[in-house]
Amino acid sequence: ITSGGSTNYAVSVKGRFTISKDNAKTTVY
């Protein structure tokens, strides 16, 4: 995930996994 929120995934997990981030908590999920 980029600073602007753009995401990319491995084919093997696409549609099942979601990467996200909380800017206030400086935490990636």
mmCIF file of all heavy atoms, coordinates in Angstrom:
data_MODEL
# 
_entry.id   MODEL 
# 
loop_
_atom_site.group_PDB 
_atom_site.id 
_atom_site.type_symbol 
_atom_site.label_atom_id 
_atom_site.label_alt_id 
_atom_site.label_comp_id 
_atom_site.label_asym_id 
_atom_site.label_entity_id 
_atom_site.label_seq_id 
_atom_site.pdbx_PDB_ins_code 
_atom_site.Cartn_x 
_atom_site.Cartn_y 
_atom_site.Cartn_z 
_atom_site.occupancy 
_atom_site.B_iso_or_equiv 
_atom_site.pdbx_formal_charge 
_atom_site.auth_seq_id 
_atom_site.auth_comp_id 
_atom_site.auth_asym_id 
_atom_site.auth_atom_id 
_atom_site.pdbx_PDB_model_num 
ATOM 1   N N   . ILE A 1 1  ? 0.849   -1.188  0.000  1.00 0.00 ? 1  ILE A N   1 
ATOM 2   C CA  . ILE A 1 1  ? 0.000   0.000   0.000  1.00 0.00 ? 1  ILE A CA  1 
ATOM 3   C C   . ILE A 1 1  ? 0.883   1.235   0.000  1.00 0.00 ? 1  ILE A C   1 
ATOM 4   O O   . ILE A 1 1  ? 1.851   1.334   0.756  1.00 0.00 ? 1  ILE A O   1 
ATOM 5   C CB  . ILE A 1 1  ? -0.980  -0.004  1.193  1.00 0.00 ? 1  ILE A CB  1 
ATOM 6   C CG1 . ILE A 1 1  ? -1.956  1.171   1.107  1.00 0.00 ? 1  ILE A CG1 1 
ATOM 7   C CG2 . ILE A 1 1  ? -0.238  -0.013  2.531  1.00 0.00 ? 1  ILE A CG2 1 
ATOM 8   C CD1 . ILE A 1 1  ? -3.136  1.045   2.060  1.00 0.00 ? 1  ILE A CD1 1 
ATOM 9   N N   . THR A 1 2  ? 0.554   2.194   -0.857 1.00 0.00 ? 2  THR A N   1 
ATOM 10  C CA  . THR A 1 2  ? 1.315   3.425   -0.958 1.00 0.00 ? 2  THR A CA  1 
ATOM 11  C C   . THR A 1 2  ? 0.806   4.452   0.042  1.00 0.00 ? 2  THR A C   1 
ATOM 12  O O   . THR A 1 2  ? -0.230  4.284   0.675  1.00 0.00 ? 2  THR A O   1 
ATOM 13  C CB  . THR A 1 2  ? 1.220   4.019   -2.365 1.00 0.00 ? 2  THR A CB  1 
ATOM 14  O OG1 . THR A 1 2  ? -0.117  4.501   -2.589 1.00 0.00 ? 2  THR A OG1 1 
ATOM 15  C CG2 . THR A 1 2  ? 1.559   2.976   -3.423 1.00 0.00 ? 2  THR A CG2 1 
ATOM 16  N N   . SER A 1 3  ? 1.543   5.548   0.160  1.00 0.00 ? 3  SER A N   1 
ATOM 17  C CA  . SER A 1 3  ? 1.124   6.619   1.053  1.00 0.00 ? 3  SER A CA  1 
ATOM 18  C C   . SER A 1 3  ? -0.232  7.184   0.659  1.00 0.00 ? 3  SER A C   1 
ATOM 19  O O   . SER A 1 3  ? -0.982  7.655   1.520  1.00 0.00 ? 3  SER A O   1 
ATOM 20  C CB  . SER A 1 3  ? 2.169   7.730   1.080  1.00 0.00 ? 3  SER A CB  1 
ATOM 21  O OG  . SER A 1 3  ? 2.370   8.285   -0.209 1.00 0.00 ? 3  SER A OG  1 
ATOM 22  N N   . GLY A 1 4  ? -0.541  7.132   -0.627 1.00 0.00 ? 4  GLY A N   1 
ATOM 23  C CA  . GLY A 1 4  ? -1.821  7.624   -1.104 1.00 0.00 ? 4  GLY A CA  1 
ATOM 24  C C   . GLY A 1 4  ? -2.952  6.627   -1.015 1.00 0.00 ? 4  GLY A C   1 
ATOM 25  O O   . GLY A 1 4  ? -4.097  6.963   -1.337 1.00 0.00 ? 4  GLY A O   1 
ATOM 26  N N   . GLY A 1 5  ? -2.652  5.395   -0.605 1.00 0.00 ? 5  GLY A N   1 
ATOM 27  C CA  . GLY A 1 5  ? -3.685  4.398   -0.424 1.00 0.00 ? 5  GLY A CA  1 
ATOM 28  C C   . GLY A 1 5  ? -3.858  3.424   -1.571 1.00 0.00 ? 5  GLY A C   1 
ATOM 29  O O   . GLY A 1 5  ? -4.746  2.565   -1.511 1.00 0.00 ? 5  GLY A O   1 
ATOM 30  N N   . SER A 1 6  ? -3.044  3.527   -2.602 1.00 0.00 ? 6  SER A N   1 
ATOM 31  C CA  . SER A 1 6  ? -3.105  2.556   -3.685 1.00 0.00 ? 6  SER A CA  1 
ATOM 32  C C   . SER A 1 6  ? -2.574  1.213   -3.208 1.00 0.00 ? 6  SER A C   1 
ATOM 33  O O   . SER A 1 6  ? -1.602  1.151   -2.455 1.00 0.00 ? 6  SER A O   1 
ATOM 34  C CB  . SER A 1 6  ? -2.298  3.034   -4.885 1.00 0.00 ? 6  SER A CB  1 
ATOM 35  O OG  . SER A 1 6  ? -2.833  4.233   -5.410 1.00 0.00 ? 6  SER A OG  1 
ATOM 36  N N   . THR A 1 7  ? -3.200  0.136   -3.657 1.00 0.00 ? 7  THR A N   1 
ATOM 37  C CA  . THR A 1 7  ? -2.850  -1.203  -3.182 1.00 0.00 ? 7  THR A CA  1 
ATOM 38  C C   . THR A 1 7  ? -2.541  -2.136  -4.335 1.00 0.00 ? 7  THR A C   1 
ATOM 39  O O   . THR A 1 7  ? -2.982  -1.923  -5.466 1.00 0.00 ? 7  THR A O   1 
ATOM 40  C CB  . THR A 1 7  ? -3.985  -1.808  -2.348 1.00 0.00 ? 7  THR A CB  1 
ATOM 41  O OG1 . THR A 1 7  ? -5.173  -1.902  -3.155 1.00 0.00 ? 7  THR A OG1 1 
ATOM 42  C CG2 . THR A 1 7  ? -4.283  -0.947  -1.132 1.00 0.00 ? 7  THR A CG2 1 
ATOM 43  N N   . ASN A 1 8  ? -1.782  -3.169  -4.025 1.00 0.00 ? 8  ASN A N   1 
ATOM 44  C CA  . ASN A 1 8  ? -1.561  -4.257  -4.957 1.00 0.00 ? 8  ASN A CA  1 
ATOM 45  C C   . ASN A 1 8  ? -1.439  -5.555  -4.176 1.00 0.00 ? 8  ASN A C   1 
ATOM 46  O O   . ASN A 1 8  ? -1.082  -5.548  -2.988 1.00 0.00 ? 8  ASN A O   1 
ATOM 47  C CB  . ASN A 1 8  ? -0.333  -4.014  -5.834 1.00 0.00 ? 8  ASN A CB  1 
ATOM 48  C CG  . ASN A 1 8  ? 0.965   -4.148  -5.072 1.00 0.00 ? 8  ASN A CG  1 
ATOM 49  O OD1 . ASN A 1 8  ? 1.275   -3.337  -4.194 1.00 0.00 ? 8  ASN A OD1 1 
ATOM 50  N ND2 . ASN A 1 8  ? 1.745   -5.172  -5.401 1.00 0.00 ? 8  ASN A ND2 1 
ATOM 51  N N   . TYR A 1 9  ? -1.729  -6.676  -4.855 1.00 0.00 ? 9  TYR A N   1 
ATOM 52  C CA  . TYR A 1 9  ? -1.788  -7.967  -4.196 1.00 0.00 ? 9  TYR A CA  1 
ATOM 53  C C   . TYR A 1 9  ? -1.173  -9.048  -5.058 1.00 0.00 ? 9  TYR A C   1 
ATOM 54  O O   . TYR A 1 9  ? -1.211  -8.979  -6.292 1.00 0.00 ? 9  TYR A O   1 
ATOM 55  C CB  . TYR A 1 9  ? -3.237  -8.365  -3.905 1.00 0.00 ? 9  TYR A CB  1 
ATOM 56  C CG  . TYR A 1 9  ? -3.972  -7.405  -3.011 1.00 0.00 ? 9  TYR A CG  1 
ATOM 57  C CD1 . TYR A 1 9  ? -4.701  -6.347  -3.544 1.00 0.00 ? 9  TYR A CD1 1 
ATOM 58  C CD2 . TYR A 1 9  ? -3.938  -7.563  -1.632 1.00 0.00 ? 9  TYR A CD2 1 
ATOM 59  C CE1 . TYR A 1 9  ? -5.373  -5.466  -2.716 1.00 0.00 ? 9  TYR A CE1 1 
ATOM 60  C CE2 . TYR A 1 9  ? -4.607  -6.680  -0.804 1.00 0.00 ? 9  TYR A CE2 1 
ATOM 61  C CZ  . TYR A 1 9  ? -5.324  -5.638  -1.350 1.00 0.00 ? 9  TYR A CZ  1 
ATOM 62  O OH  . TYR A 1 9  ? -5.994  -4.758  -0.526 1.00 0.00 ? 9  TYR A OH  1 
ATOM 63  N N   . ALA A 1 10 ? -0.636  -10.045 -4.400 1.00 0.00 ? 10 ALA A N   1 
ATOM 64  C CA  . ALA A 1 10 ? -0.251  -11.252 -5.102 1.00 0.00 ? 10 ALA A CA  1 
ATOM 65  C C   . ALA A 1 10 ? -1.501  -11.934 -5.643 1.00 0.00 ? 10 ALA A C   1 
ATOM 66  O O   . ALA A 1 10 ? -2.569  -11.884 -5.025 1.00 0.00 ? 10 ALA A O   1 
ATOM 67  C CB  . ALA A 1 10 ? 0.502   -12.195 -4.167 1.00 0.00 ? 10 ALA A CB  1 
ATOM 68  N N   . VAL A 1 11 ? -1.365  -12.571 -6.786 1.00 0.00 ? 11 VAL A N   1 
ATOM 69  C CA  . VAL A 1 11 ? -2.498  -13.262 -7.392 1.00 0.00 ? 11 VAL A CA  1 
ATOM 70  C C   . VAL A 1 11 ? -3.100  -14.284 -6.431 1.00 0.00 ? 11 VAL A C   1 
ATOM 71  O O   . VAL A 1 11 ? -4.326  -14.458 -6.370 1.00 0.00 ? 11 VAL A O   1 
ATOM 72  C CB  . VAL A 1 11 ? -2.083  -13.935 -8.708 1.00 0.00 ? 11 VAL A CB  1 
ATOM 73  C CG1 . VAL A 1 11 ? -3.198  -14.823 -9.244 1.00 0.00 ? 11 VAL A CG1 1 
ATOM 74  C CG2 . VAL A 1 11 ? -1.696  -12.890 -9.736 1.00 0.00 ? 11 VAL A CG2 1 
ATOM 75  N N   . SER A 1 12 ? -2.266  -14.939 -5.657 1.00 0.00 ? 12 SER A N   1 
ATOM 76  C CA  . SER A 1 12 ? -2.721  -16.002 -4.780 1.00 0.00 ? 12 SER A CA  1 
ATOM 77  C C   . SER A 1 12 ? -3.652  -15.525 -3.669 1.00 0.00 ? 12 SER A C   1 
ATOM 78  O O   . SER A 1 12 ? -4.390  -16.331 -3.100 1.00 0.00 ? 12 SER A O   1 
ATOM 79  C CB  . SER A 1 12 ? -1.523  -16.729 -4.171 1.00 0.00 ? 12 SER A CB  1 
ATOM 80  O OG  . SER A 1 12 ? -0.713  -15.832 -3.429 1.00 0.00 ? 12 SER A OG  1 
ATOM 81  N N   . VAL A 1 13 ? -3.619  -14.239 -3.342 1.00 0.00 ? 13 VAL A N   1 
ATOM 82  C CA  . VAL A 1 13 ? -4.443  -13.722 -2.251 1.00 0.00 ? 13 VAL A CA  1 
ATOM 83  C C   . VAL A 1 13 ? -5.469  -12.700 -2.706 1.00 0.00 ? 13 VAL A C   1 
ATOM 84  O O   . VAL A 1 13 ? -6.314  -12.277 -1.905 1.00 0.00 ? 13 VAL A O   1 
ATOM 85  C CB  . VAL A 1 13 ? -3.585  -13.108 -1.127 1.00 0.00 ? 13 VAL A CB  1 
ATOM 86  C CG1 . VAL A 1 13 ? -2.526  -14.096 -0.664 1.00 0.00 ? 13 VAL A CG1 1 
ATOM 87  C CG2 . VAL A 1 13 ? -2.956  -11.794 -1.567 1.00 0.00 ? 13 VAL A CG2 1 
ATOM 88  N N   . LYS A 1 14 ? -5.425  -12.312 -3.955 1.00 0.00 ? 14 LYS A N   1 
ATOM 89  C CA  . LYS A 1 14 ? -6.332  -11.285 -4.454 1.00 0.00 ? 14 LYS A CA  1 
ATOM 90  C C   . LYS A 1 14 ? -7.782  -11.731 -4.276 1.00 0.00 ? 14 LYS A C   1 
ATOM 91  O O   . LYS A 1 14 ? -8.153  -12.853 -4.609 1.00 0.00 ? 14 LYS A O   1 
ATOM 92  C CB  . LYS A 1 14 ? -6.034  -10.985 -5.919 1.00 0.00 ? 14 LYS A CB  1 
ATOM 93  C CG  . LYS A 1 14 ? -6.769  -9.773  -6.474 1.00 0.00 ? 14 LYS A CG  1 
ATOM 94  C CD  . LYS A 1 14 ? -6.277  -9.415  -7.871 1.00 0.00 ? 14 LYS A CD  1 
ATOM 95  C CE  . LYS A 1 14 ? -4.820  -8.975  -7.857 1.00 0.00 ? 14 LYS A CE  1 
ATOM 96  N NZ  . LYS A 1 14 ? -4.360  -8.544  -9.204 1.00 0.00 ? 14 LYS A NZ  1 
ATOM 97  N N   . GLY A 1 15 ? -8.587  -10.829 -3.756 1.00 0.00 ? 15 GLY A N   1 
ATOM 98  C CA  . GLY A 1 15 ? -9.985  -11.122 -3.498 1.00 0.00 ? 15 GLY A CA  1 
ATOM 99  C C   . GLY A 1 15 ? -10.252 -11.687 -2.124 1.00 0.00 ? 15 GLY A C   1 
ATOM 100 O O   . GLY A 1 15 ? -11.409 -11.733 -1.688 1.00 0.00 ? 15 GLY A O   1 
ATOM 101 N N   . ARG A 1 16 ? -9.203  -12.121 -1.431 1.00 0.00 ? 16 ARG A N   1 
ATOM 102 C CA  . ARG A 1 16 ? -9.349  -12.678 -0.090 1.00 0.00 ? 16 ARG A CA  1 
ATOM 103 C C   . ARG A 1 16 ? -8.703  -11.818 0.983  1.00 0.00 ? 16 ARG A C   1 
ATOM 104 O O   . ARG A 1 16 ? -9.205  -11.737 2.097  1.00 0.00 ? 16 ARG A O   1 
ATOM 105 C CB  . ARG A 1 16 ? -8.759  -14.090 -0.030 1.00 0.00 ? 16 ARG A CB  1 
ATOM 106 C CG  . ARG A 1 16 ? -9.425  -15.075 -0.979 1.00 0.00 ? 16 ARG A CG  1 
ATOM 107 C CD  . ARG A 1 16 ? -8.906  -16.495 -0.759 1.00 0.00 ? 16 ARG A CD  1 
ATOM 108 N NE  . ARG A 1 16 ? -7.462  -16.597 -1.027 1.00 0.00 ? 16 ARG A NE  1 
ATOM 109 C CZ  . ARG A 1 16 ? -6.558  -16.942 -0.114 1.00 0.00 ? 16 ARG A CZ  1 
ATOM 110 N NH1 . ARG A 1 16 ? -6.931  -17.226 1.131  1.00 0.00 ? 16 ARG A NH1 1 
ATOM 111 N NH2 . ARG A 1 16 ? -5.274  -17.014 -0.439 1.00 0.00 ? 16 ARG A NH2 1 
ATOM 112 N N   . PHE A 1 17 ? -7.583  -11.198 0.646  1.00 0.00 ? 17 PHE A N   1 
ATOM 113 C CA  . PHE A 1 17 ? -6.844  -10.370 1.597  1.00 0.00 ? 17 PHE A CA  1 
ATOM 114 C C   . PHE A 1 17 ? -7.030  -8.897  1.259  1.00 0.00 ? 17 PHE A C   1 
ATOM 115 O O   . PHE A 1 17 ? -7.157  -8.527  0.087  1.00 0.00 ? 17 PHE A O   1 
ATOM 116 C CB  . PHE A 1 17 ? -5.347  -10.680 1.555  1.00 0.00 ? 17 PHE A CB  1 
ATOM 117 C CG  . PHE A 1 17 ? -4.952  -12.026 2.087  1.00 0.00 ? 17 PHE A CG  1 
ATOM 118 C CD1 . PHE A 1 17 ? -5.889  -13.002 2.401  1.00 0.00 ? 17 PHE A CD1 1 
ATOM 119 C CD2 . PHE A 1 17 ? -3.609  -12.315 2.277  1.00 0.00 ? 17 PHE A CD2 1 
ATOM 120 C CE1 . PHE A 1 17 ? -5.510  -14.241 2.881  1.00 0.00 ? 17 PHE A CE1 1 
ATOM 121 C CE2 . PHE A 1 17 ? -3.212  -13.553 2.763  1.00 0.00 ? 17 PHE A CE2 1 
ATOM 122 C CZ  . PHE A 1 17 ? -4.163  -14.515 3.065  1.00 0.00 ? 17 PHE A CZ  1 
ATOM 123 N N   . THR A 1 18 ? -7.009  -8.061  2.280  1.00 0.00 ? 18 THR A N   1 
ATOM 124 C CA  . THR A 1 18 ? -7.089  -6.621  2.094  1.00 0.00 ? 18 THR A CA  1 
ATOM 125 C C   . THR A 1 18 ? -6.035  -5.933  2.950  1.00 0.00 ? 18 THR A C   1 
ATOM 126 O O   . THR A 1 18 ? -6.014  -6.118  4.166  1.00 0.00 ? 18 THR A O   1 
ATOM 127 C CB  . THR A 1 18 ? -8.477  -6.080  2.473  1.00 0.00 ? 18 THR A CB  1 
ATOM 128 O OG1 . THR A 1 18 ? -9.485  -6.728  1.696  1.00 0.00 ? 18 THR A OG1 1 
ATOM 129 C CG2 . THR A 1 18 ? -8.539  -4.575  2.219  1.00 0.00 ? 18 THR A CG2 1 
ATOM 130 N N   . ILE A 1 19 ? -5.177  -5.154  2.319  1.00 0.00 ? 19 ILE A N   1 
ATOM 131 C CA  . ILE A 1 19 ? -4.226  -4.342  3.054  1.00 0.00 ? 19 ILE A CA  1 
ATOM 132 C C   . ILE A 1 19 ? -4.813  -2.955  3.237  1.00 0.00 ? 19 ILE A C   1 
ATOM 133 O O   . ILE A 1 19 ? -5.438  -2.404  2.331  1.00 0.00 ? 19 ILE A O   1 
ATOM 134 C CB  . ILE A 1 19 ? -2.857  -4.283  2.344  1.00 0.00 ? 19 ILE A CB  1 
ATOM 135 C CG1 . ILE A 1 19 ? -1.817  -3.580  3.221  1.00 0.00 ? 19 ILE A CG1 1 
ATOM 136 C CG2 . ILE A 1 19 ? -2.964  -3.628  0.975  1.00 0.00 ? 19 ILE A CG2 1 
ATOM 137 C CD1 . ILE A 1 19 ? -0.396  -3.675  2.683  1.00 0.00 ? 19 ILE A CD1 1 
ATOM 138 N N   . SER A 1 20 ? -4.617  -2.394  4.412  1.00 0.00 ? 20 SER A N   1 
ATOM 139 C CA  . SER A 1 20 ? -5.120  -1.059  4.704  1.00 0.00 ? 20 SER A CA  1 
ATOM 140 C C   . SER A 1 20 ? -4.206  -0.406  5.721  1.00 0.00 ? 20 SER A C   1 
ATOM 141 O O   . SER A 1 20 ? -3.293  -1.040  6.254  1.00 0.00 ? 20 SER A O   1 
ATOM 142 C CB  . SER A 1 20 ? -6.564  -1.110  5.220  1.00 0.00 ? 20 SER A CB  1 
ATOM 143 O OG  . SER A 1 20 ? -6.639  -1.820  6.438  1.00 0.00 ? 20 SER A OG  1 
ATOM 144 N N   . LYS A 1 21 ? -4.462  0.862   5.991  1.00 0.00 ? 21 LYS A N   1 
ATOM 145 C CA  . LYS A 1 21 ? -3.662  1.554   6.989  1.00 0.00 ? 21 LYS A CA  1 
ATOM 146 C C   . LYS A 1 21 ? -4.488  2.611   7.689  1.00 0.00 ? 21 LYS A C   1 
ATOM 147 O O   . LYS A 1 21 ? -5.469  3.128   7.147  1.00 0.00 ? 21 LYS A O   1 
ATOM 148 C CB  . LYS A 1 21 ? -2.414  2.183   6.368  1.00 0.00 ? 21 LYS A CB  1 
ATOM 149 C CG  . LYS A 1 21 ? -2.699  3.217   5.296  1.00 0.00 ? 21 LYS A CG  1 
ATOM 150 C CD  . LYS A 1 21 ? -1.406  3.842   4.794  1.00 0.00 ? 21 LYS A CD  1 
ATOM 151 C CE  . LYS A 1 21 ? -1.687  4.925   3.760  1.00 0.00 ? 21 LYS A CE  1 
ATOM 152 N NZ  . LYS A 1 21 ? -0.452  5.659   3.396  1.00 0.00 ? 21 LYS A NZ  1 
ATOM 153 N N   . ASP A 1 22 ? -4.090  2.916   8.900  1.00 0.00 ? 22 ASP A N   1 
ATOM 154 C CA  . ASP A 1 22 ? -4.708  3.958   9.702  1.00 0.00 ? 22 ASP A CA  1 
ATOM 155 C C   . ASP A 1 22 ? -3.641  5.019   9.922  1.00 0.00 ? 22 ASP A C   1 
ATOM 156 O O   . ASP A 1 22 ? -2.677  4.799   10.663 1.00 0.00 ? 22 ASP A O   1 
ATOM 157 C CB  . ASP A 1 22 ? -5.212  3.389   11.025 1.00 0.00 ? 22 ASP A CB  1 
ATOM 158 C CG  . ASP A 1 22 ? -5.989  4.403   11.843 1.00 0.00 ? 22 ASP A CG  1 
ATOM 159 O OD1 . ASP A 1 22 ? -5.598  5.582   11.891 1.00 0.00 ? 22 ASP A OD1 1 
ATOM 160 O OD2 . ASP A 1 22 ? -7.002  4.004   12.453 1.00 0.00 ? 22 ASP A OD2 1 
ATOM 161 N N   . ASN A 1 23 ? -3.806  6.153   9.285  1.00 0.00 ? 23 ASN A N   1 
ATOM 162 C CA  . ASN A 1 23 ? -2.788  7.192   9.356  1.00 0.00 ? 23 ASN A CA  1 
ATOM 163 C C   . ASN A 1 23 ? -2.642  7.778   10.762 1.00 0.00 ? 23 ASN A C   1 
ATOM 164 O O   . ASN A 1 23 ? -1.545  8.142   11.174 1.00 0.00 ? 23 ASN A O   1 
ATOM 165 C CB  . ASN A 1 23 ? -3.102  8.304   8.365  1.00 0.00 ? 23 ASN A CB  1 
ATOM 166 C CG  . ASN A 1 23 ? -2.966  7.858   6.931  1.00 0.00 ? 23 ASN A CG  1 
ATOM 167 O OD1 . ASN A 1 23 ? -2.158  6.984   6.607  1.00 0.00 ? 23 ASN A OD1 1 
ATOM 168 N ND2 . ASN A 1 23 ? -3.746  8.467   6.046  1.00 0.00 ? 23 ASN A ND2 1 
ATOM 169 N N   . ALA A 1 24 ? -3.744  7.870   11.481 1.00 0.00 ? 24 ALA A N   1 
ATOM 170 C CA  . ALA A 1 24 ? -3.695  8.413   12.832 1.00 0.00 ? 24 ALA A CA  1 
ATOM 171 C C   . ALA A 1 24 ? -2.923  7.503   13.772 1.00 0.00 ? 24 ALA A C   1 
ATOM 172 O O   . ALA A 1 24 ? -2.214  7.973   14.665 1.00 0.00 ? 24 ALA A O   1 
ATOM 173 C CB  . ALA A 1 24 ? -5.104  8.656   13.357 1.00 0.00 ? 24 ALA A CB  1 
ATOM 174 N N   . LYS A 1 25 ? -3.080  6.198   13.588 1.00 0.00 ? 25 LYS A N   1 
ATOM 175 C CA  . LYS A 1 25 ? -2.407  5.225   14.442 1.00 0.00 ? 25 LYS A CA  1 
ATOM 176 C C   . LYS A 1 25 ? -1.077  4.762   13.872 1.00 0.00 ? 25 LYS A C   1 
ATOM 177 O O   . LYS A 1 25 ? -0.374  3.992   14.531 1.00 0.00 ? 25 LYS A O   1 
ATOM 178 C CB  . LYS A 1 25 ? -3.310  4.014   14.659 1.00 0.00 ? 25 LYS A CB  1 
ATOM 179 C CG  . LYS A 1 25 ? -4.597  4.326   15.397 1.00 0.00 ? 25 LYS A CG  1 
ATOM 180 C CD  . LYS A 1 25 ? -5.448  3.075   15.564 1.00 0.00 ? 25 LYS A CD  1 
ATOM 181 C CE  . LYS A 1 25 ? -6.732  3.376   16.315 1.00 0.00 ? 25 LYS A CE  1 
ATOM 182 N NZ  . LYS A 1 25 ? -7.577  2.158   16.458 1.00 0.00 ? 25 LYS A NZ  1 
ATOM 183 N N   . THR A 1 26 ? -0.728  5.220   12.696 1.00 0.00 ? 26 THR A N   1 
ATOM 184 C CA  . THR A 1 26 ? 0.470   4.765   11.964 1.00 0.00 ? 26 THR A CA  1 
ATOM 185 C C   . THR A 1 26 ? 0.586   3.244   12.031 1.00 0.00 ? 26 THR A C   1 
ATOM 186 O O   . THR A 1 26 ? 1.634   2.699   12.389 1.00 0.00 ? 26 THR A O   1 
ATOM 187 C CB  . THR A 1 26 ? 1.756   5.453   12.462 1.00 0.00 ? 26 THR A CB  1 
ATOM 188 O OG1 . THR A 1 26 ? 2.046   5.096   13.823 1.00 0.00 ? 26 THR A OG1 1 
ATOM 189 C CG2 . THR A 1 26 ? 1.629   6.962   12.347 1.00 0.00 ? 26 THR A CG2 1 
ATOM 190 N N   . THR A 1 27 ? -0.495  2.586   11.651 1.00 0.00 ? 27 THR A N   1 
ATOM 191 C CA  . THR A 1 27 ? -0.575  1.144   11.696 1.00 0.00 ? 27 THR A CA  1 
ATOM 192 C C   . THR A 1 27 ? -1.045  0.612   10.353 1.00 0.00 ? 27 THR A C   1 
ATOM 193 O O   . THR A 1 27 ? -1.964  1.173   9.748  1.00 0.00 ? 27 THR A O   1 
ATOM 194 C CB  . THR A 1 27 ? -1.534  0.680   12.804 1.00 0.00 ? 27 THR A CB  1 
ATOM 195 O OG1 . THR A 1 27 ? -1.038  1.116   14.074 1.00 0.00 ? 27 THR A OG1 1 
ATOM 196 C CG2 . THR A 1 27 ? -1.666  -0.831  12.817 1.00 0.00 ? 27 THR A CG2 1 
ATOM 197 N N   . VAL A 1 28 ? -0.413  -0.450  9.910  1.00 0.00 ? 28 VAL A N   1 
ATOM 198 C CA  . VAL A 1 28 ? -0.782  -1.143  8.680  1.00 0.00 ? 28 VAL A CA  1 
ATOM 199 C C   . VAL A 1 28 ? -1.461  -2.452  9.046  1.00 0.00 ? 28 VAL A C   1 
ATOM 200 O O   . VAL A 1 28 ? -1.037  -3.136  9.984  1.00 0.00 ? 28 VAL A O   1 
ATOM 201 C CB  . VAL A 1 28 ? 0.448   -1.410  7.801  1.00 0.00 ? 28 VAL A CB  1 
ATOM 202 C CG1 . VAL A 1 28 ? 0.044   -2.071  6.493  1.00 0.00 ? 28 VAL A CG1 1 
ATOM 203 C CG2 . VAL A 1 28 ? 1.193   -0.112  7.519  1.00 0.00 ? 28 VAL A CG2 1 
ATOM 204 N N   . TYR A 1 29 ? -2.494  -2.811  8.307  1.00 0.00 ? 29 TYR A N   1 
ATOM 205 C CA  . TYR A 1 29 ? -3.261  -4.013  8.582  1.00 0.00 ? 29 TYR A CA  1 
ATOM 206 C C   . TYR A 1 29 ? -3.274  -4.942  7.377  1.00 0.00 ? 29 TYR A C   1 
ATOM 207 O O   . TYR A 1 29 ? -3.168  -4.508  6.235  1.00 0.00 ? 29 TYR A O   1 
ATOM 208 C CB  . TYR A 1 29 ? -4.713  -3.673  8.928  1.00 0.00 ? 29 TYR A CB  1 
ATOM 209 C CG  . TYR A 1 29 ? -4.870  -2.714  10.071 1.00 0.00 ? 29 TYR A CG  1 
ATOM 210 C CD1 . TYR A 1 29 ? -5.042  -1.355  9.839  1.00 0.00 ? 29 TYR A CD1 1 
ATOM 211 C CD2 . TYR A 1 29 ? -4.851  -3.164  11.386 1.00 0.00 ? 29 TYR A CD2 1 
ATOM 212 C CE1 . TYR A 1 29 ? -5.189  -0.467  10.891 1.00 0.00 ? 29 TYR A CE1 1 
ATOM 213 C CE2 . TYR A 1 29 ? -4.998  -2.288  12.439 1.00 0.00 ? 29 TYR A CE2 1 
ATOM 214 C CZ  . TYR A 1 29 ? -5.171  -0.937  12.187 1.00 0.00 ? 29 TYR A CZ  1 
ATOM 215 O OH  . TYR A 1 29 ? -5.322  -0.062  13.241 1.00 0.00 ? 29 TYR A OH  1 
# 
